[in-house]
PDB file of all heavy atoms in Angstrom:
ATOM      1  N   PRO A   1       0.808  -1.223   0.000  1.00  0.00           N
ATOM      2  CA  PRO A   1       0.000   0.000   0.000  1.00  0.00           C
ATOM      3  C   PRO A   1       0.839   1.270   0.000  1.00  0.00           C
ATOM      4  O   PRO A   1       0.340   2.340  -0.287  1.00  0.00           O
ATOM      5  CB  PRO A   1      -0.825  -0.119   1.287  1.00  0.00           C
ATOM      6  CG  PRO A   1      -0.058  -1.061   2.151  1.00  0.00           C
ATOM      7  CD  PRO A   1       0.600  -2.034   1.222  1.00  0.00           C
ATOM      8  N   THR A   2       2.139   1.147   0.324  1.00  0.00           N
ATOM      9  CA  THR A   2       2.995   2.327   0.362  1.00  0.00           C
ATOM     10  C   THR A   2       3.570   2.671  -1.003  1.00  0.00           C
ATOM     11  O   THR A   2       4.205   3.697  -1.181  1.00  0.00           O
ATOM     12  CB  THR A   2       4.157   2.105   1.345  1.00  0.00           C
ATOM     13  OG1 THR A   2       4.949   0.996   0.891  1.00  0.00           O
ATOM     14  CG2 THR A   2       3.642   1.820   2.733  1.00  0.00           C
ATOM     15  N   VAL A   3       3.368   1.767  -1.974  1.00  0.00           N
ATOM     16  CA  VAL A   3       3.929   1.986  -3.296  1.00  0.00           C
ATOM     17  C   VAL A   3       2.968   2.822  -4.127  1.00  0.00           C
ATOM     18  O   VAL A   3       1.827   2.433  -4.348  1.00  0.00           O
ATOM     19  CB  VAL A   3       4.211   0.631  -3.996  1.00  0.00           C
ATOM     20  CG1 VAL A   3       4.764   0.874  -5.394  1.00  0.00           C
ATOM     21  CG2 VAL A   3       5.161  -0.191  -3.164  1.00  0.00           C
ATOM     22  N   GLY A   4       3.453   3.986  -4.611  1.00  0.00           N
ATOM     23  CA  GLY A   4       2.592   4.836  -5.398  1.00  0.00           C
ATOM     24  C   GLY A   4       2.388   4.339  -6.812  1.00  0.00           C
ATOM     25  O   GLY A   4       1.374   4.597  -7.426  1.00  0.00           O
ATOM     26  N   LYS A   5       3.379   3.649  -7.345  1.00  0.00           N
ATOM     27  CA  LYS A   5       3.255   3.082  -8.684  1.00  0.00           C
ATOM     28  C   LYS A   5       4.044   1.778  -8.725  1.00  0.00           C
ATOM     29  O   LYS A   5       4.790   1.440  -7.806  1.00  0.00           O
ATOM     30  CB  LYS A   5       3.779   4.059  -9.732  1.00  0.00           C
ATOM     31  CG  LYS A   5       5.265   4.401  -9.605  1.00  0.00           C
ATOM     32  CD  LYS A   5       5.688   5.322 -10.725  1.00  0.00           C
ATOM     33  CE  LYS A   5       7.195   5.614 -10.652  1.00  0.00           C
ATOM     34  NZ  LYS A   5       7.636   6.478 -11.761  1.00  0.00           N
ATOM     35  N   SER A   6       3.884   1.048  -9.809  1.00  0.00           N
ATOM     36  CA  SER A   6       4.541  -0.243  -9.932  1.00  0.00           C
ATOM     37  C   SER A   6       6.057  -0.078  -9.891  1.00  0.00           C
ATOM     38  O   SER A   6       6.606   0.871 -10.458  1.00  0.00           O
ATOM     39  CB  SER A   6       4.129  -0.908 -11.249  1.00  0.00           C
ATOM     40  OG  SER A   6       4.876  -2.065 -11.471  1.00  0.00           O
ATOM     41  N   PRO A   7       6.768  -1.013  -9.232  1.00  0.00           N
ATOM     42  CA  PRO A   7       8.232  -0.912  -9.184  1.00  0.00           C
ATOM     43  C   PRO A   7       8.894  -1.174 -10.531  1.00  0.00           C
ATOM     44  O   PRO A   7      10.066  -0.856 -10.709  1.00  0.00           O
ATOM     45  CB  PRO A   7       8.627  -1.977  -8.157  1.00  0.00           C
ATOM     46  CG  PRO A   7       7.494  -2.941  -8.140  1.00  0.00           C
ATOM     47  CD  PRO A   7       6.268  -2.125  -8.407  1.00  0.00           C
ATOM     48  N   VAL A   8       8.189  -1.771 -11.473  1.00  0.00           N
ATOM     49  CA  VAL A   8       8.662  -1.893 -12.853  1.00  0.00           C
ATOM     50  C   VAL A   8       7.549  -1.423 -13.770  1.00  0.00           C
ATOM     51  O   VAL A   8       6.384  -1.368 -13.378  1.00  0.00           O
ATOM     52  CB  VAL A   8       9.079  -3.348 -13.214  1.00  0.00           C
ATOM     53  CG1 VAL A   8      10.181  -3.851 -12.293  1.00  0.00           C
ATOM     54  CG2 VAL A   8       7.891  -4.292 -13.171  1.00  0.00           C
ATOM     55  N   ASP A   9       7.907  -1.069 -14.990  1.00  0.00           N
ATOM     56  CA  ASP A   9       6.876  -0.610 -15.913  1.00  0.00           C
ATOM     57  C   ASP A   9       6.644  -1.565 -17.073  1.00  0.00           C
ATOM     58  O   ASP A   9       5.759  -1.351 -17.898  1.00  0.00           O
ATOM     59  CB  ASP A   9       7.177   0.797 -16.456  1.00  0.00           C
ATOM     60  CG  ASP A   9       8.619   0.986 -16.864  1.00  0.00           C
ATOM     61  OD1 ASP A   9       9.191   0.033 -17.420  1.00  0.00           O
ATOM     62  OD2 ASP A   9       9.165   2.064 -16.609  1.00  0.00           O
ATOM     63  N   THR A  10       7.440  -2.650 -17.139  1.00  0.00           N
ATOM     64  CA  THR A  10       7.270  -3.633 -18.207  1.00  0.00           C
ATOM     65  C   THR A  10       7.600  -5.021 -17.665  1.00  0.00           C
ATOM     66  O   THR A  10       8.577  -5.182 -16.928  1.00  0.00           O
ATOM     67  CB  THR A  10       8.189  -3.326 -19.406  1.00  0.00           C
ATOM     68  OG1 THR A  10       7.927  -1.996 -19.872  1.00  0.00           O
ATOM     69  CG2 THR A  10       7.949  -4.308 -20.540  1.00  0.00           C
ATOM     70  N   VAL A  11       6.799  -6.006 -18.046  1.00  0.00           N
ATOM     71  CA  VAL A  11       7.070  -7.410 -17.721  1.00  0.00           C
ATOM     72  C   VAL A  11       7.125  -8.194 -19.027  1.00  0.00           C
ATOM     73  O   VAL A  11       6.189  -8.139 -19.832  1.00  0.00           O
ATOM     74  CB  VAL A  11       5.990  -8.006 -16.795  1.00  0.00           C
ATOM     75  CG1 VAL A  11       6.228  -9.507 -16.580  1.00  0.00           C
ATOM     76  CG2 VAL A  11       5.960  -7.279 -15.461  1.00  0.00           C
ATOM     77  N   ILE A  12       8.234  -8.896 -19.230  1.00  0.00           N
ATOM     78  CA  ILE A  12       8.407  -9.735 -20.414  1.00  0.00           C
ATOM     79  C   ILE A  12       8.600 -11.168 -19.933  1.00  0.00           C
ATOM     80  O   ILE A  12       9.449 -11.439 -19.086  1.00  0.00           O
ATOM     81  CB  ILE A  12       9.632  -9.304 -21.247  1.00  0.00           C
ATOM     82  CG1 ILE A  12       9.503  -7.842 -21.688  1.00  0.00           C
ATOM     83  CG2 ILE A  12       9.788 -10.205 -22.465  1.00  0.00           C
ATOM     84  CD1 ILE A  12      10.763  -7.299 -22.369  1.00  0.00           C
ATOM     85  N   VAL A  13       7.811 -12.080 -20.473  1.00  0.00           N
ATOM     86  CA  VAL A  13       7.968 -13.508 -20.188  1.00  0.00           C
ATOM     87  C   VAL A  13       8.395 -14.197 -21.473  1.00  0.00           C
ATOM     88  O   VAL A  13       7.694 -14.121 -22.490  1.00  0.00           O
ATOM     89  CB  VAL A  13       6.676 -14.135 -19.644  1.00  0.00           C
ATOM     90  CG1 VAL A  13       6.830 -15.653 -19.510  1.00  0.00           C
ATOM     91  CG2 VAL A  13       6.316 -13.528 -18.291  1.00  0.00           C
ATOM     92  N   THR A  14       9.548 -14.850 -21.446  1.00  0.00           N
ATOM     93  CA  THR A  14      10.005 -15.618 -22.594  1.00  0.00           C
ATOM     94  C   THR A  14       9.725 -17.084 -22.317  1.00  0.00           C
ATOM     95  O   THR A  14      10.162 -17.630 -21.314  1.00  0.00           O
ATOM     96  CB  THR A  14      11.505 -15.391 -22.854  1.00  0.00           C
ATOM     97  OG1 THR A  14      12.275 -15.978 -21.800  1.00  0.00           O
ATOM     98  CG2 THR A  14      11.821 -13.914 -22.943  1.00  0.00           C
ATOM     99  N   THR A  15       8.983 -17.725 -23.218  1.00  0.00           N
ATOM    100  CA  THR A  15       8.554 -19.103 -22.964  1.00  0.00           C
ATOM    101  C   THR A  15       8.144 -19.803 -24.246  1.00  0.00           C
ATOM    102  O   THR A  15       7.697 -19.161 -25.201  1.00  0.00           O
ATOM    103  CB  THR A  15       7.390 -19.140 -21.955  1.00  0.00           C
ATOM    104  OG1 THR A  15       7.077 -20.503 -21.631  1.00  0.00           O
ATOM    105  CG2 THR A  15       6.151 -18.449 -22.504  1.00  0.00           C
ATOM    106  N   THR A  16       8.283 -21.112 -24.254  1.00  0.00           N
ATOM    107  CA  THR A  16       7.751 -21.964 -25.307  1.00  0.00           C
ATOM    108  C   THR A  16       6.495 -22.674 -24.832  1.00  0.00           C
ATOM    109  O   THR A  16       5.777 -23.277 -25.633  1.00  0.00           O
ATOM    110  CB  THR A  16       8.806 -23.020 -25.706  1.00  0.00           C
ATOM    111  OG1 THR A  16      10.000 -22.348 -26.089  1.00  0.00           O
ATOM    112  CG2 THR A  16       8.361 -23.884 -26.873  1.00  0.00           C
ATOM    113  N   THR A  17       6.227 -22.594 -23.542  1.00  0.00           N
ATOM    114  CA  THR A  17       5.107 -23.333 -22.952  1.00  0.00           C
ATOM    115  C   THR A  17       4.177 -22.373 -22.217  1.00  0.00           C
ATOM    116  O   THR A  17       4.032 -22.437 -20.997  1.00  0.00           O
ATOM    117  CB  THR A  17       5.628 -24.400 -21.982  1.00  0.00           C
ATOM    118  OG1 THR A  17       6.445 -23.767 -20.962  1.00  0.00           O
ATOM    119  CG2 THR A  17       6.473 -25.437 -22.710  1.00  0.00           C
ATOM    120  N   PRO A  18       3.546 -21.451 -22.930  1.00  0.00           N
ATOM    121  CA  PRO A  18       2.634 -20.508 -22.273  1.00  0.00           C
ATOM    122  C   PRO A  18       1.484 -21.250 -21.612  1.00  0.00           C
ATOM    123  O   PRO A  18       1.169 -22.389 -21.971  1.00  0.00           O
ATOM    124  CB  PRO A  18       2.152 -19.616 -23.412  1.00  0.00           C
ATOM    125  CG  PRO A  18       2.291 -20.461 -24.640  1.00  0.00           C
ATOM    126  CD  PRO A  18       3.515 -21.296 -24.404  1.00  0.00           C
ATOM    127  N   ASP A  19       0.851 -20.608 -20.654  1.00  0.00           N
ATOM    128  CA  ASP A  19      -0.295 -21.237 -19.993  1.00  0.00           C
ATOM    129  C   ASP A  19      -1.374 -21.617 -21.002  1.00  0.00           C
ATOM    130  O   ASP A  19      -2.011 -22.664 -20.883  1.00  0.00           O
ATOM    131  CB  ASP A  19      -0.896 -20.283 -18.958  1.00  0.00           C
ATOM    132  CG  ASP A  19      -0.054 -20.181 -17.691  1.00  0.00           C
ATOM    133  OD1 ASP A  19       1.094 -20.686 -17.696  1.00  0.00           O
ATOM    134  OD2 ASP A  19      -0.539 -19.596 -16.709  1.00  0.00           O
ATOM    135  N   ARG A  20      -1.576 -20.760 -21.994  1.00  0.00           N
ATOM    136  CA  ARG A  20      -2.606 -20.986 -23.016  1.00  0.00           C
ATOM    137  C   ARG A  20      -2.118 -20.393 -24.340  1.00  0.00           C
ATOM    138  O   ARG A  20      -1.309 -19.469 -24.341  1.00  0.00           O
ATOM    139  CB  ARG A  20      -3.926 -20.300 -22.624  1.00  0.00           C
ATOM    140  CG  ARG A  20      -4.516 -20.797 -21.301  1.00  0.00           C
ATOM    141  CD  ARG A  20      -5.740 -19.984 -20.913  1.00  0.00           C
ATOM    142  NE  ARG A  20      -6.301 -20.455 -19.652  1.00  0.00           N
ATOM    143  CZ  ARG A  20      -5.904 -20.042 -18.453  1.00  0.00           C
ATOM    144  NH1 ARG A  20      -4.924 -19.126 -18.356  1.00  0.00           N
ATOM    145  NH2 ARG A  20      -6.469 -20.519 -17.355  1.00  0.00           N
ATOM    146  N   PRO A  21      -2.638 -20.880 -25.483  1.00  0.00           N
ATOM    147  CA  PRO A  21      -2.305 -20.228 -26.752  1.00  0.00           C
ATOM    148  C   PRO A  21      -2.732 -18.767 -26.778  1.00  0.00           C
ATOM    149  O   PRO A  21      -2.107 -17.929 -27.424  1.00  0.00           O
ATOM    150  CB  PRO A  21      -3.082 -21.054 -27.791  1.00  0.00           C
ATOM    151  CG  PRO A  21      -3.282 -22.390 -27.156  1.00  0.00           C
ATOM    152  CD  PRO A  21      -3.462 -22.101 -25.693  1.00  0.00           C
ATOM    153  N   CYS A  22      -3.817 -18.460 -26.086  1.00  0.00           N
ATOM    154  CA  CYS A  22      -4.321 -17.093 -25.998  1.00  0.00           C
ATOM    155  C   CYS A  22      -5.038 -16.947 -24.658  1.00  0.00           C
ATOM    156  O   CYS A  22      -5.825 -17.825 -24.290  1.00  0.00           O
ATOM    157  CB  CYS A  22      -5.284 -16.825 -27.151  1.00  0.00           C
ATOM    158  SG  CYS A  22      -6.119 -15.220 -27.104  1.00  0.00           S
ATOM    159  N   PRO A  23      -4.735 -15.929 -23.871  1.00  0.00           N
ATOM    160  CA  PRO A  23      -3.845 -14.802 -24.119  1.00  0.00           C
ATOM    161  C   PRO A  23      -2.401 -15.125 -23.730  1.00  0.00           C
ATOM    162  O   PRO A  23      -2.089 -16.243 -23.302  1.00  0.00           O
ATOM    163  CB  PRO A  23      -4.419 -13.725 -23.193  1.00  0.00           C
ATOM    164  CG  PRO A  23      -4.889 -14.522 -22.004  1.00  0.00           C
ATOM    165  CD  PRO A  23      -5.459 -15.789 -22.583  1.00  0.00           C
ATOM    166  N   ALA A  24      -1.547 -14.113 -23.838  1.00  0.00           N
ATOM    167  CA  ALA A  24      -0.161 -14.258 -23.412  1.00  0.00           C
ATOM    168  C   ALA A  24      -0.096 -14.501 -21.906  1.00  0.00           C
ATOM    169  O   ALA A  24      -1.018 -14.162 -21.154  1.00  0.00           O
ATOM    170  CB  ALA A  24       0.632 -12.995 -23.773  1.00  0.00           C
ATOM    171  N   THR A  25       1.004 -15.086 -21.468  1.00  0.00           N
ATOM    172  CA  THR A  25       1.186 -15.419 -20.053  1.00  0.00           C
ATOM    173  C   THR A  25       1.631 -14.215 -19.225  1.00  0.00           C
ATOM    174  O   THR A  25       1.288 -14.104 -18.046  1.00  0.00           O
ATOM    175  CB  THR A  25       2.201 -16.568 -19.926  1.00  0.00           C
ATOM    176  OG1 THR A  25       1.699 -17.707 -20.636  1.00  0.00           O
ATOM    177  CG2 THR A  25       2.451 -16.958 -18.486  1.00  0.00           C
ATOM    178  N   ALA A  26       2.379 -13.296 -19.823  1.00  0.00           N
ATOM    179  CA  ALA A  26       2.970 -12.185 -19.072  1.00  0.00           C
ATOM    180  C   ALA A  26       1.947 -11.314 -18.333  1.00  0.00           C
ATOM    181  O   ALA A  26       2.182 -10.932 -17.185  1.00  0.00           O
ATOM    182  CB  ALA A  26       3.830 -11.321 -19.995  1.00  0.00           C
ATOM    183  N   PRO A  27       0.801 -10.935 -18.931  1.00  0.00           N
ATOM    184  CA  PRO A  27      -0.145 -10.107 -18.179  1.00  0.00           C
ATOM    185  C   PRO A  27      -0.633 -10.771 -16.897  1.00  0.00           C
ATOM    186  O   PRO A  27      -0.785 -10.107 -15.868  1.00  0.00           O
ATOM    187  CB  PRO A  27      -1.288  -9.893 -19.181  1.00  0.00           C
ATOM    188  CG  PRO A  27      -0.644  -9.989 -20.517  1.00  0.00           C
ATOM    189  CD  PRO A  27       0.389 -11.070 -20.350  1.00  0.00           C
ATOM    190  N   ALA A  28      -0.877 -12.082 -16.944  1.00  0.00           N
ATOM    191  CA  ALA A  28      -1.319 -12.780 -15.732  1.00  0.00           C
ATOM    192  C   ALA A  28      -0.216 -12.800 -14.681  1.00  0.00           C
ATOM    193  O   ALA A  28      -0.476 -12.641 -13.478  1.00  0.00           O
ATOM    194  CB  ALA A  28      -1.745 -14.208 -16.077  1.00  0.00           C
ATOM    195  N   VAL A  29       1.031 -12.977 -15.131  1.00  0.00           N
ATOM    196  CA  VAL A  29       2.161 -12.954 -14.195  1.00  0.00           C
ATOM    197  C   VAL A  29       2.273 -11.580 -13.542  1.00  0.00           C
ATOM    198  O   VAL A  29       2.445 -11.463 -12.321  1.00  0.00           O
ATOM    199  CB  VAL A  29       3.464 -13.322 -14.931  1.00  0.00           C
ATOM    200  CG1 VAL A  29       4.682 -13.075 -14.042  1.00  0.00           C
ATOM    201  CG2 VAL A  29       3.429 -14.778 -15.387  1.00  0.00           C
ATOM    202  N   ALA A  30       2.170 -10.534 -14.354  1.00  0.00           N
ATOM    203  CA  ALA A  30       2.244  -9.174 -13.813  1.00  0.00           C
ATOM    204  C   ALA A  30       1.142  -8.935 -12.788  1.00  0.00           C
ATOM    205  O   ALA A  30       1.386  -8.373 -11.705  1.00  0.00           O
ATOM    206  CB  ALA A  30       2.149  -8.157 -14.950  1.00  0.00           C
ATOM    207  N   ALA A  31      -0.073  -9.354 -13.092  1.00  0.00           N
ATOM    208  CA  ALA A  31      -1.197  -9.140 -12.178  1.00  0.00           C
ATOM    209  C   ALA A  31      -0.978  -9.871 -10.860  1.00  0.00           C
ATOM    210  O   ALA A  31      -1.242  -9.329  -9.776  1.00  0.00           O
ATOM    211  CB  ALA A  31      -2.497  -9.602 -12.835  1.00  0.00           C
ATOM    212  N   ARG A  32      -0.491 -11.106 -10.929  1.00  0.00           N
ATOM    213  CA  ARG A  32      -0.277 -11.878  -9.712  1.00  0.00           C
ATOM    214  C   ARG A  32       0.863 -11.321  -8.871  1.00  0.00           C
ATOM    215  O   ARG A  32       0.914 -11.531  -7.655  1.00  0.00           O
ATOM    216  CB  ARG A  32      -0.020 -13.344 -10.072  1.00  0.00           C
ATOM    217  CG  ARG A  32      -1.277 -14.040 -10.588  1.00  0.00           C
ATOM    218  CD  ARG A  32      -0.978 -15.418 -11.106  1.00  0.00           C
ATOM    219  NE  ARG A  32      -0.382 -16.272 -10.075  1.00  0.00           N
ATOM    220  CZ  ARG A  32       0.089 -17.497 -10.326  1.00  0.00           C
ATOM    221  NH1 ARG A  32       0.040 -17.982 -11.563  1.00  0.00           N
ATOM    222  NH2 ARG A  32       0.606 -18.218  -9.353  1.00  0.00           N
ATOM    223  N   LEU A  33       1.767 -10.581  -9.496  1.00  0.00           N
ATOM    224  CA  LEU A  33       2.844  -9.919  -8.760  1.00  0.00           C
ATOM    225  C   LEU A  33       2.425  -8.546  -8.246  1.00  0.00           C
ATOM    226  O   LEU A  33       3.211  -7.846  -7.623  1.00  0.00           O
ATOM    227  CB  LEU A  33       4.090  -9.782  -9.653  1.00  0.00           C
ATOM    228  CG  LEU A  33       4.840 -11.085  -9.956  1.00  0.00           C
ATOM    229  CD1 LEU A  33       5.897 -10.854 -11.022  1.00  0.00           C
ATOM    230  CD2 LEU A  33       5.480 -11.639  -8.687  1.00  0.00           C
ATOM    231  N   GLY A  34       1.194  -8.153  -8.517  1.00  0.00           N
ATOM    232  CA  GLY A  34       0.711  -6.856  -8.069  1.00  0.00           C
ATOM    233  C   GLY A  34       1.237  -5.700  -8.880  1.00  0.00           C
ATOM    234  O   GLY A  34       1.240  -4.556  -8.406  1.00  0.00           O
ATOM    235  N   LEU A  35       1.666  -5.955 -10.104  1.00  0.00           N
ATOM    236  CA  LEU A  35       2.210  -4.909 -10.976  1.00  0.00           C
ATOM    237  C   LEU A  35       1.063  -4.370 -11.818  1.00  0.00           C
ATOM    238  O   LEU A  35       0.707  -4.918 -12.861  1.00  0.00           O
ATOM    239  CB  LEU A  35       3.330  -5.488 -11.840  1.00  0.00           C
ATOM    240  CG  LEU A  35       4.456  -6.165 -11.056  1.00  0.00           C
ATOM    241  CD1 LEU A  35       5.464  -6.808 -12.002  1.00  0.00           C
ATOM    242  CD2 LEU A  35       5.153  -5.166 -10.127  1.00  0.00           C
ATOM    243  N   ASP A  36       0.493  -3.292 -11.371  1.00  0.00           N
ATOM    244  CA  ASP A  36      -0.761  -2.784 -11.914  1.00  0.00           C
ATOM    245  C   ASP A  36      -0.558  -2.018 -13.209  1.00  0.00           C
ATOM    246  O   ASP A  36       0.224  -1.069 -13.275  1.00  0.00           O
ATOM    247  CB  ASP A  36      -1.430  -1.889 -10.864  1.00  0.00           C
ATOM    248  CG  ASP A  36      -2.813  -1.441 -11.296  1.00  0.00           C
ATOM    249  OD1 ASP A  36      -3.538  -2.256 -11.904  1.00  0.00           O
ATOM    250  OD2 ASP A  36      -3.171  -0.277 -11.017  1.00  0.00           O
ATOM    251  N   ARG A  37      -1.241  -2.449 -14.259  1.00  0.00           N
ATOM    252  CA  ARG A  37      -1.349  -1.728 -15.525  1.00  0.00           C
ATOM    253  C   ARG A  37      -0.019  -1.539 -16.252  1.00  0.00           C
ATOM    254  O   ARG A  37       0.133  -0.605 -17.047  1.00  0.00           O
ATOM    255  CB  ARG A  37      -2.020  -0.374 -15.313  1.00  0.00           C
ATOM    256  CG  ARG A  37      -3.436  -0.487 -14.754  1.00  0.00           C
ATOM    257  CD  ARG A  37      -4.106   0.864 -14.639  1.00  0.00           C
ATOM    258  NE  ARG A  37      -5.432   0.733 -14.035  1.00  0.00           N
ATOM    259  CZ  ARG A  37      -6.261   1.749 -13.833  1.00  0.00           C
ATOM    260  NH1 ARG A  37      -5.902   2.984 -14.194  1.00  0.00           N
ATOM    261  NH2 ARG A  37      -7.448   1.542 -13.283  1.00  0.00           N
ATOM    262  N   VAL A  38       0.937  -2.407 -15.995  1.00  0.00           N
ATOM    263  CA  VAL A  38       2.215  -2.302 -16.699  1.00  0.00           C
ATOM    264  C   VAL A  38       2.091  -2.946 -18.074  1.00  0.00           C
ATOM    265  O   VAL A  38       1.195  -3.759 -18.327  1.00  0.00           O
ATOM    266  CB  VAL A  38       3.347  -2.990 -15.906  1.00  0.00           C
ATOM    267  CG1 VAL A  38       3.512  -2.359 -14.533  1.00  0.00           C
ATOM    268  CG2 VAL A  38       3.108  -4.495 -15.780  1.00  0.00           C
ATOM    269  N   ALA A  39       3.001  -2.588 -18.979  1.00  0.00           N
ATOM    270  CA  ALA A  39       3.093  -3.300 -20.247  1.00  0.00           C
ATOM    271  C   ALA A  39       3.546  -4.723 -19.958  1.00  0.00           C
ATOM    272  O   ALA A  39       4.449  -4.941 -19.134  1.00  0.00           O
ATOM    273  CB  ALA A  39       4.085  -2.604 -21.176  1.00  0.00           C
ATOM    274  N   ALA A  40       2.937  -5.701 -20.606  1.00  0.00           N
ATOM    275  CA  ALA A  40       3.291  -7.101 -20.364  1.00  0.00           C
ATOM    276  C   ALA A  40       3.042  -7.909 -21.629  1.00  0.00           C
ATOM    277  O   ALA A  40       1.959  -7.846 -22.203  1.00  0.00           O
ATOM    278  CB  ALA A  40       2.478  -7.665 -19.198  1.00  0.00           C
TER     279      ALA A  40
END
């Protein structure tokens, strides 16, 4: 709660085994890390 904005502004996941063909895995990873509204 003390963080005014995300500690990173972009999340990139490199993988051959994504969770699903669609959508990409990175947005879900960012959300679960609490990285709000970052590019992923």
